[in-house]
Protein backbone atom coordinates (compact mmCIF):
# COMPACT_ATOMS: atom_id res chain seq x y z
CA MET A 1 -29.37 0.88 -33.42
CA THR A 2 -32.45 -0.52 -35.21
CA THR A 3 -35.73 -0.52 -33.28
CA PRO A 4 -37.36 -3.97 -33.50
CA SER A 5 -40.76 -4.22 -35.18
CA TYR A 6 -43.73 -5.74 -33.34
CA PRO A 7 -46.65 -6.20 -35.81
CA GLY A 8 -50.01 -5.21 -34.36
CA LEU A 9 -48.55 -3.22 -31.47
CA HIS A 10 -48.61 0.60 -31.34
CA ASP A 11 -45.94 2.60 -29.50
CA VAL A 12 -48.10 3.00 -26.40
CA GLU A 13 -48.92 -0.71 -26.31
CA ARG A 14 -45.25 -1.61 -26.64
CA ALA A 15 -44.39 0.76 -23.80
CA VAL A 16 -47.06 -0.83 -21.60
CA LEU A 17 -45.76 -4.32 -22.47
CA PHE A 18 -42.15 -3.40 -21.63
CA ALA A 19 -43.27 -1.78 -18.37
CA GLU A 20 -45.15 -4.93 -17.36
CA VAL A 21 -42.07 -7.07 -18.08
CA LEU A 22 -39.82 -4.79 -16.03
CA ASP A 23 -42.32 -4.76 -13.17
CA ALA A 24 -42.58 -8.56 -13.14
CA ILE A 25 -38.89 -9.42 -13.44
CA ALA A 26 -37.23 -10.74 -10.26
CA THR A 27 -34.26 -8.39 -10.57
CA GLY A 28 -34.13 -4.88 -9.20
CA ILE A 29 -33.73 -2.33 -12.00
CA ILE A 30 -32.94 1.33 -11.35
CA ILE A 31 -32.17 4.06 -13.89
CA LEU A 32 -30.34 7.15 -12.67
CA ASP A 33 -30.42 10.52 -14.43
CA LEU A 34 -26.95 11.88 -13.67
CA GLU A 35 -27.62 15.27 -15.24
CA HIS A 36 -30.73 16.09 -13.19
CA GLU A 37 -29.61 13.95 -10.21
CA GLU A 38 -32.79 11.94 -9.88
CA VAL A 39 -34.07 8.37 -10.08
CA ILE A 40 -36.25 8.21 -13.19
CA PHE A 41 -37.15 4.53 -12.95
CA ARG A 42 -37.26 1.94 -10.22
CA ASN A 43 -39.18 -1.30 -10.66
CA PRO A 44 -41.09 -2.90 -7.76
CA HIS A 45 -38.40 -5.50 -7.07
CA ALA A 46 -35.78 -2.75 -6.64
CA SER A 47 -38.08 -0.94 -4.19
CA THR A 48 -38.57 -4.16 -2.22
CA ILE A 49 -34.82 -4.78 -2.03
CA LEU A 50 -34.10 -1.24 -0.84
CA GLU A 51 -36.90 -1.40 1.74
CA GLN A 52 -35.62 -4.73 3.12
CA ALA A 53 -32.17 -3.20 3.40
CA GLY A 54 -33.51 -0.11 5.12
CA ALA A 55 -31.83 2.03 2.46
CA ASP A 56 -33.01 5.38 1.17
CA HIS A 57 -34.57 5.23 -2.30
CA GLY A 58 -33.26 8.68 -3.26
CA PHE A 59 -30.65 9.61 -5.84
CA GLY A 60 -28.16 10.90 -3.25
CA THR A 61 -27.84 7.58 -1.43
CA LEU A 62 -27.43 5.59 -4.66
CA GLN A 63 -25.00 8.12 -6.12
CA ALA A 64 -22.81 7.96 -3.00
CA LEU A 65 -22.91 4.15 -2.98
CA LEU A 66 -22.03 3.77 -6.66
CA ALA A 67 -19.78 6.81 -7.12
CA THR A 68 -16.60 4.91 -8.03
CA GLU A 69 -18.29 2.70 -10.63
CA ILE A 70 -20.24 5.65 -12.10
CA ASP A 71 -17.02 7.67 -12.49
CA LEU A 72 -15.37 4.81 -14.41
CA LEU A 73 -18.41 4.52 -16.68
CA ARG A 74 -18.50 8.25 -17.38
CA GLN A 75 -14.77 8.30 -18.15
CA GLY A 76 -15.42 5.68 -20.81
CA GLN A 77 -12.99 3.19 -19.25
CA THR A 78 -15.59 0.44 -19.32
CA ALA A 79 -19.12 -0.16 -20.63
CA GLN A 80 -20.23 -1.98 -17.50
CA SER A 81 -19.02 -2.71 -14.00
CA PHE A 82 -18.47 -6.34 -13.12
CA ARG A 83 -20.76 -7.65 -10.42
CA LYS A 84 -19.98 -6.06 -7.04
CA LYS A 85 -21.24 -6.76 -3.55
CA VAL A 86 -22.51 -4.41 -0.87
CA ARG A 87 -23.98 -5.15 2.55
CA PHE A 88 -26.93 -3.36 4.13
CA GLY A 89 -27.68 -4.51 7.66
CA ASN A 90 -27.81 -8.30 7.60
CA ARG A 91 -28.46 -8.56 3.86
CA LEU A 92 -25.93 -8.86 1.02
CA PHE A 93 -26.64 -7.43 -2.43
CA GLY A 94 -24.98 -7.89 -5.80
CA TYR A 95 -25.18 -5.17 -8.42
CA THR A 96 -23.98 -4.39 -11.95
CA LEU A 97 -23.98 -1.00 -13.70
CA TYR A 98 -24.43 -0.37 -17.42
CA GLY A 99 -23.91 2.85 -19.34
CA PRO A 100 -23.57 5.68 -19.59
CA MET A 101 -26.37 6.10 -22.12
CA ALA A 102 -27.84 9.06 -24.00
CA ALA A 103 -24.94 11.53 -24.04
CA ASN A 104 -23.38 10.32 -20.79
CA ARG A 105 -26.58 11.08 -18.88
CA PHE A 106 -28.18 7.80 -17.76
CA VAL A 107 -26.87 4.77 -15.87
CA ALA A 108 -28.80 1.52 -15.37
CA VAL A 109 -28.36 -0.46 -12.14
CA PHE A 110 -29.28 -4.14 -11.88
CA LEU A 111 -29.66 -5.24 -8.25
CA GLN A 112 -30.22 -8.63 -6.60
CA ASP A 113 -30.40 -9.88 -3.01
CA ILE A 114 -27.68 -12.58 -2.90
CA THR A 115 -27.65 -13.22 0.87
CA ASP A 116 -28.88 -16.81 0.60
CA GLN A 117 -26.70 -17.65 -2.40
CA ASP A 118 -23.65 -16.23 -0.63
CA ARG A 119 -24.41 -18.23 2.52
CA LEU A 120 -24.79 -21.46 0.50
CA ALA A 121 -21.57 -20.70 -1.38
CA ALA A 122 -19.76 -20.18 1.92
CA MET A 123 -21.07 -23.52 3.19
CA ASP A 124 -19.94 -25.25 -0.01
CA GLU A 125 -16.54 -23.62 0.28
CA ALA A 126 -16.18 -24.70 3.92
CA THR A 127 -17.15 -28.27 3.02
CA GLU A 128 -14.67 -28.32 0.15
CA MET A 129 -11.99 -26.86 2.41
CA MET A 130 -12.50 -29.58 5.03
CA HIS A 131 -12.31 -32.20 2.26
CA ASN A 132 -9.07 -30.68 0.97
CA ILE A 133 -7.58 -30.47 4.47
CA GLY A 134 -8.34 -34.16 5.03
CA PHE A 135 -6.83 -35.01 1.65
CA LEU A 136 -3.80 -32.82 2.43
CA PHE A 137 -3.06 -34.43 5.79
CA SER A 138 -3.54 -37.88 4.32
CA GLY A 139 -1.00 -36.98 1.66
CA ILE A 140 1.44 -35.52 4.19
CA ARG A 141 1.21 -38.69 6.27
CA HIS A 142 1.94 -40.77 3.19
CA GLU A 143 4.71 -38.54 1.81
CA ILE A 144 6.55 -38.33 5.14
CA GLY A 145 5.78 -41.90 6.25
CA ASN A 146 7.39 -43.53 3.22
CA PRO A 147 10.84 -41.91 3.58
CA ILE A 148 10.79 -42.45 7.36
CA ASN A 149 10.09 -46.16 6.88
CA SER A 150 12.82 -46.37 4.25
CA MET A 151 15.33 -44.68 6.59
CA LYS A 152 14.26 -46.90 9.48
CA MET A 153 14.91 -50.04 7.41
CA ALA A 154 18.29 -48.75 6.23
CA LEU A 155 19.36 -47.84 9.77
CA THR A 156 18.21 -51.22 11.09
CA VAL A 157 20.34 -53.02 8.53
CA LEU A 158 23.32 -50.77 9.24
CA ARG A 159 23.08 -51.21 13.00
CA LYS A 160 23.24 -54.98 12.63
CA ASN A 161 25.91 -55.07 9.93
CA VAL A 162 27.97 -51.88 10.18
CA HIS A 163 31.05 -53.80 11.33
CA ARG A 164 30.68 -56.48 8.63
CA PHE A 165 29.82 -54.35 5.59
CA PRO A 166 32.66 -52.98 3.47
CA PRO A 167 32.95 -49.13 3.40
CA GLN A 168 31.34 -48.95 -0.06
CA GLU A 169 28.22 -50.78 1.17
CA VAL A 170 27.95 -48.58 4.27
CA ALA A 171 28.28 -45.49 2.07
CA ARG A 172 25.47 -46.80 -0.19
CA TYR A 173 23.11 -47.09 2.77
CA PHE A 174 24.02 -43.60 3.98
CA ASP A 175 23.36 -42.22 0.50
CA ARG A 176 19.91 -43.82 0.57
CA ILE A 177 19.19 -42.24 3.98
CA PHE A 178 20.31 -38.77 2.85
CA GLU A 179 18.19 -39.11 -0.29
CA GLN A 180 15.10 -39.69 1.85
CA VAL A 181 16.01 -36.78 4.14
CA SER A 182 16.29 -34.54 1.07
CA ARG A 183 12.87 -35.75 -0.09
CA MET A 184 11.29 -34.70 3.22
CA GLU A 185 13.11 -31.36 3.15
CA ASN A 186 11.63 -30.62 -0.29
CA LEU A 187 8.16 -31.46 1.00
CA LEU A 188 8.53 -29.24 4.08
CA THR A 189 9.81 -26.38 1.91
CA SER A 190 6.71 -26.66 -0.28
CA LEU A 191 4.41 -26.72 2.77
CA LYS A 192 6.15 -23.67 4.19
CA THR A 193 5.28 -21.78 1.03
CA PHE A 194 1.58 -22.30 1.82
CA ASN A 195 1.92 -19.71 4.60
CA LEU A 196 4.53 -17.52 2.90
CA PHE A 197 1.97 -15.33 1.13
CA GLU A 198 -1.00 -15.60 3.52
CA LYS A 199 -1.46 -11.82 3.29
CA PRO A 200 -0.59 -10.76 -0.26
CA ARG A 201 0.80 -7.24 -0.63
CA LEU A 202 -0.82 -5.86 -3.75
CA THR A 203 1.27 -3.38 -5.68
CA LEU A 204 1.33 -1.87 -9.14
CA VAL A 205 3.35 -4.24 -11.34
CA ASP A 206 4.65 -3.47 -14.83
CA LEU A 207 4.40 -6.81 -16.65
CA LEU A 208 6.80 -5.70 -19.39
CA ALA A 209 9.56 -4.98 -16.86
CA PHE A 210 8.59 -8.09 -14.87
CA PHE A 211 8.97 -10.47 -17.82
CA ARG A 212 12.09 -8.79 -19.19
CA GLU A 213 13.79 -9.37 -15.84
CA PHE A 214 12.32 -12.87 -15.46
CA ILE A 215 13.40 -13.98 -18.95
CA GLY A 216 16.85 -12.56 -18.28
CA LEU A 217 17.20 -14.83 -15.26
CA LEU A 218 16.31 -17.86 -17.39
CA ALA A 219 18.42 -16.87 -20.39
CA GLU A 220 21.26 -19.33 -19.77
CA ASP A 221 18.99 -22.34 -19.14
CA VAL A 222 16.86 -21.43 -22.14
CA ARG A 223 19.93 -21.17 -24.38
CA LYS A 224 21.28 -24.54 -23.24
CA LYS A 225 17.95 -26.24 -23.90
CA HIS A 226 17.52 -24.50 -27.29
CA ILE A 227 14.14 -23.01 -26.33
CA THR A 228 12.77 -19.94 -28.12
CA LEU A 229 10.98 -17.44 -25.87
CA ASP A 230 8.40 -15.02 -27.35
CA LEU A 231 6.86 -12.10 -25.47
CA ASP A 232 3.71 -10.44 -26.87
CA LEU A 233 2.40 -7.78 -24.50
CA ALA A 234 -0.33 -5.29 -25.42
CA GLU A 235 0.14 -1.77 -24.03
CA GLU A 236 -3.34 -1.75 -22.45
CA ALA A 237 -2.48 -4.99 -20.63
CA ARG A 238 0.81 -3.82 -19.16
CA TRP A 239 -0.12 -2.87 -15.59
CA VAL A 240 -1.66 -5.18 -12.97
CA ASN A 241 -2.34 -5.13 -9.23
CA VAL A 242 -0.69 -8.22 -7.69
CA ASP A 243 1.84 -9.35 -5.10
CA VAL A 244 5.02 -9.47 -7.18
CA ARG A 245 6.58 -12.21 -4.99
CA ALA A 246 3.57 -14.46 -5.46
CA LEU A 247 3.48 -13.78 -9.22
CA GLN A 248 7.18 -14.67 -9.48
CA HIS A 249 6.55 -17.93 -7.63
CA VAL A 250 3.63 -18.87 -9.88
CA VAL A 251 5.35 -17.95 -13.15
CA MET A 252 8.52 -19.77 -12.12
CA ASN A 253 6.50 -22.92 -11.42
CA ILE A 254 4.74 -22.68 -14.79
CA PHE A 255 8.00 -22.12 -16.67
CA ALA A 256 9.66 -25.05 -14.88
CA ASN A 257 6.81 -27.33 -16.02
CA ALA A 258 6.96 -25.95 -19.57
CA MET A 259 10.72 -26.36 -19.89
CA GLU A 260 10.50 -29.94 -18.65
CA ALA A 261 7.70 -30.66 -21.14
CA LEU A 262 9.93 -29.28 -23.94
CA SER A 263 12.81 -31.63 -23.21
CA ASP A 264 14.19 -33.00 -26.51
CA ARG A 265 11.37 -31.39 -28.52
CA PRO A 266 12.30 -29.93 -31.93
CA ASP A 267 11.56 -26.21 -32.36
CA ALA A 268 10.91 -25.89 -28.61
CA ARG A 269 9.04 -22.66 -27.91
CA VAL A 270 7.39 -20.83 -24.99
CA THR A 271 5.10 -17.88 -25.76
CA VAL A 272 4.02 -15.32 -23.14
CA ARG A 273 1.06 -13.21 -24.22
CA CYS A 274 -0.73 -10.43 -22.29
CA GLN A 275 -4.01 -9.04 -23.60
CA SER A 276 -6.65 -6.76 -22.12
CA GLY A 277 -9.95 -8.33 -21.13
CA GLY A 278 -11.53 -5.18 -19.74
CA GLU A 279 -11.13 -5.22 -15.98
CA VAL A 280 -8.69 -8.11 -16.21
CA VAL A 281 -5.42 -8.81 -17.99
CA VAL A 282 -5.41 -12.18 -19.75
CA LEU A 283 -1.92 -13.63 -19.28
CA THR A 284 -1.19 -16.87 -21.17
CA ILE A 285 1.98 -18.95 -21.10
CA SER A 286 1.99 -21.55 -23.89
CA ASP A 287 4.45 -24.24 -24.88
CA ASN A 288 4.57 -26.73 -27.74
CA GLY A 289 5.78 -29.54 -25.50
CA CYS A 290 4.53 -33.05 -24.86
CA GLY A 291 1.18 -31.89 -23.45
CA ILE A 292 -0.96 -33.49 -20.75
CA SER A 293 -3.36 -36.40 -21.20
CA LYS A 294 -7.05 -35.91 -20.39
CA ASP A 295 -6.85 -38.34 -17.48
CA VAL A 296 -3.95 -36.46 -15.89
CA GLN A 297 -5.62 -33.07 -16.44
CA GLN A 298 -8.43 -34.12 -14.09
CA ASP A 299 -5.98 -34.46 -11.20
CA ILE A 300 -3.32 -31.80 -11.76
CA PHE A 301 -4.67 -29.46 -9.06
CA LYS A 302 -4.99 -32.17 -6.42
CA PRO A 303 -2.44 -31.98 -3.60
CA PHE A 304 0.47 -34.45 -3.90
CA PHE A 305 -0.54 -35.55 -7.39
CA THR A 306 2.55 -35.54 -9.61
CA THR A 307 3.94 -37.32 -12.65
CA LYS A 308 7.50 -36.21 -11.86
CA GLN A 309 9.95 -38.58 -10.25
CA ASN A 310 11.01 -36.04 -7.60
CA GLY A 311 7.94 -33.79 -7.62
CA THR A 312 5.91 -32.91 -4.51
CA GLY A 313 2.57 -32.47 -6.31
CA LEU A 314 2.01 -29.11 -4.61
CA GLY A 315 3.20 -26.64 -7.26
CA LEU A 316 -0.01 -26.07 -9.24
CA MET A 317 -2.25 -26.30 -6.18
CA LEU A 318 -0.17 -23.64 -4.44
CA SER A 319 -0.07 -21.47 -7.57
CA ARG A 320 -3.86 -21.47 -7.83
CA LYS A 321 -4.15 -20.66 -4.12
CA LEU A 322 -1.76 -17.70 -4.37
CA LEU A 323 -3.62 -16.28 -7.36
CA ALA A 324 -7.03 -16.73 -5.70
CA GLN A 325 -5.81 -14.67 -2.73
CA MET A 326 -5.15 -11.81 -5.15
CA ASN A 327 -8.56 -12.09 -6.87
CA CYS A 328 -6.90 -13.83 -9.82
CA SER A 329 -7.52 -17.18 -11.47
CA LEU A 330 -5.55 -19.94 -13.18
CA GLU A 331 -6.73 -22.50 -15.71
CA ILE A 332 -4.86 -25.05 -17.83
CA SER A 333 -5.73 -26.41 -21.26
CA SER A 334 -3.59 -29.02 -22.95
CA LYS A 335 -3.52 -31.55 -25.74
CA GLU A 336 -1.29 -34.56 -25.48
CA GLY A 337 1.53 -34.30 -27.98
CA ALA A 338 0.67 -30.71 -28.95
CA GLY A 339 1.46 -28.53 -25.93
CA THR A 340 -0.05 -26.74 -22.95
CA THR A 341 -1.48 -23.28 -22.30
CA VAL A 342 -1.78 -21.80 -18.81
CA THR A 343 -4.23 -18.88 -18.59
CA MET A 344 -4.22 -16.40 -15.72
CA LEU A 345 -6.66 -13.52 -15.19
CA LEU A 346 -5.06 -10.63 -13.27
CA PRO A 347 -6.67 -7.32 -12.14
CA ASN A 348 -6.05 -4.72 -14.84
CA ALA A 349 -4.65 -1.69 -13.03
CA THR A 350 -5.22 0.57 -16.05
CA VAL A 351 -8.99 0.01 -15.69
CA ASN A 352 -9.29 -0.53 -11.92
CA GLU A 353 -7.07 2.40 -10.90
CA PRO A 354 -8.29 5.73 -12.35
CA THR A 355 -4.84 7.27 -11.71
CA MET A 356 -3.32 4.83 -14.18
CA ALA A 357 -5.23 6.29 -17.11
CA GLY A 358 -2.62 8.99 -17.64
CA CYS A 359 0.35 7.11 -16.24
CA PRO A 360 3.48 7.72 -18.35
CA ILE A 361 4.84 4.60 -20.03
CA ASP A 362 8.59 4.07 -20.26
CA HIS A 363 9.71 1.99 -23.22
């Protein structure tokens, strides 16, 4: 690493300048010497944060608090920990670790009081939730009200004319009624799924085995529709911590959308790719189908929004909810006429579970 040059400044002057910057910065900075088990640097903001929290400033307290992250850093599994949260008394703190530096000896800790930000975020989330609940119930009222009105009209006509209509006409009205009943059943099934995974059961999932089995289930449909399936899975992105039932539900929904988008497309193809992104596995499912217009992309996660004739408009919203419950995320990028890519970030078990580092892999 090249040391930057500062014309006109001697080493001592540079050291004084850097010390003044670190003292003035509104982020707590602590440097731990793991070899001698001592705190060798703590700027004033870090001292203030620890005093407000009523926490001991000593190495022992910080070592005990950060033991898991420090172990991962020292094992070389990551160069930094992603931002974590810890609560002291009535205050909430966010921290990130960097290192180890200088022959595995030093670790830097960046610390911030995030109590107010967290409270504001919770208020924003609650407001957004109330908005979504209102939107959801409005949609339910509309989606159930329409088929009920349609059935009511059909039954009214039948009651007045059942003895005059020929059997074929009566059967047509009954078919219309059963069609509306089926529509409501599909809606209620989708709503039931909202509560199906309220408490996800996180387990160690082998994505290679998961997708081999999943693709096997779709093999016949894929063959009939002349779709090519590609699976590209990096070894370091093989293991994740998720609820396998929820992941199956999400992937099935994504594949159903992709296969519909590939209808009558030449050289139809779906590519599943898993790559390591450090503490997360980046799972992408891409198709070269009809794509999604920019206008539609703005609404695809809204409840009851659908472009399908018999869709409920709950699939993607539910998929994002299930993933969020497992500390995962889902995003969609698409270009009309060129295809769609769904990107999911899943917890990488190889990084987040130390026991996975030496886990035997079965090919």
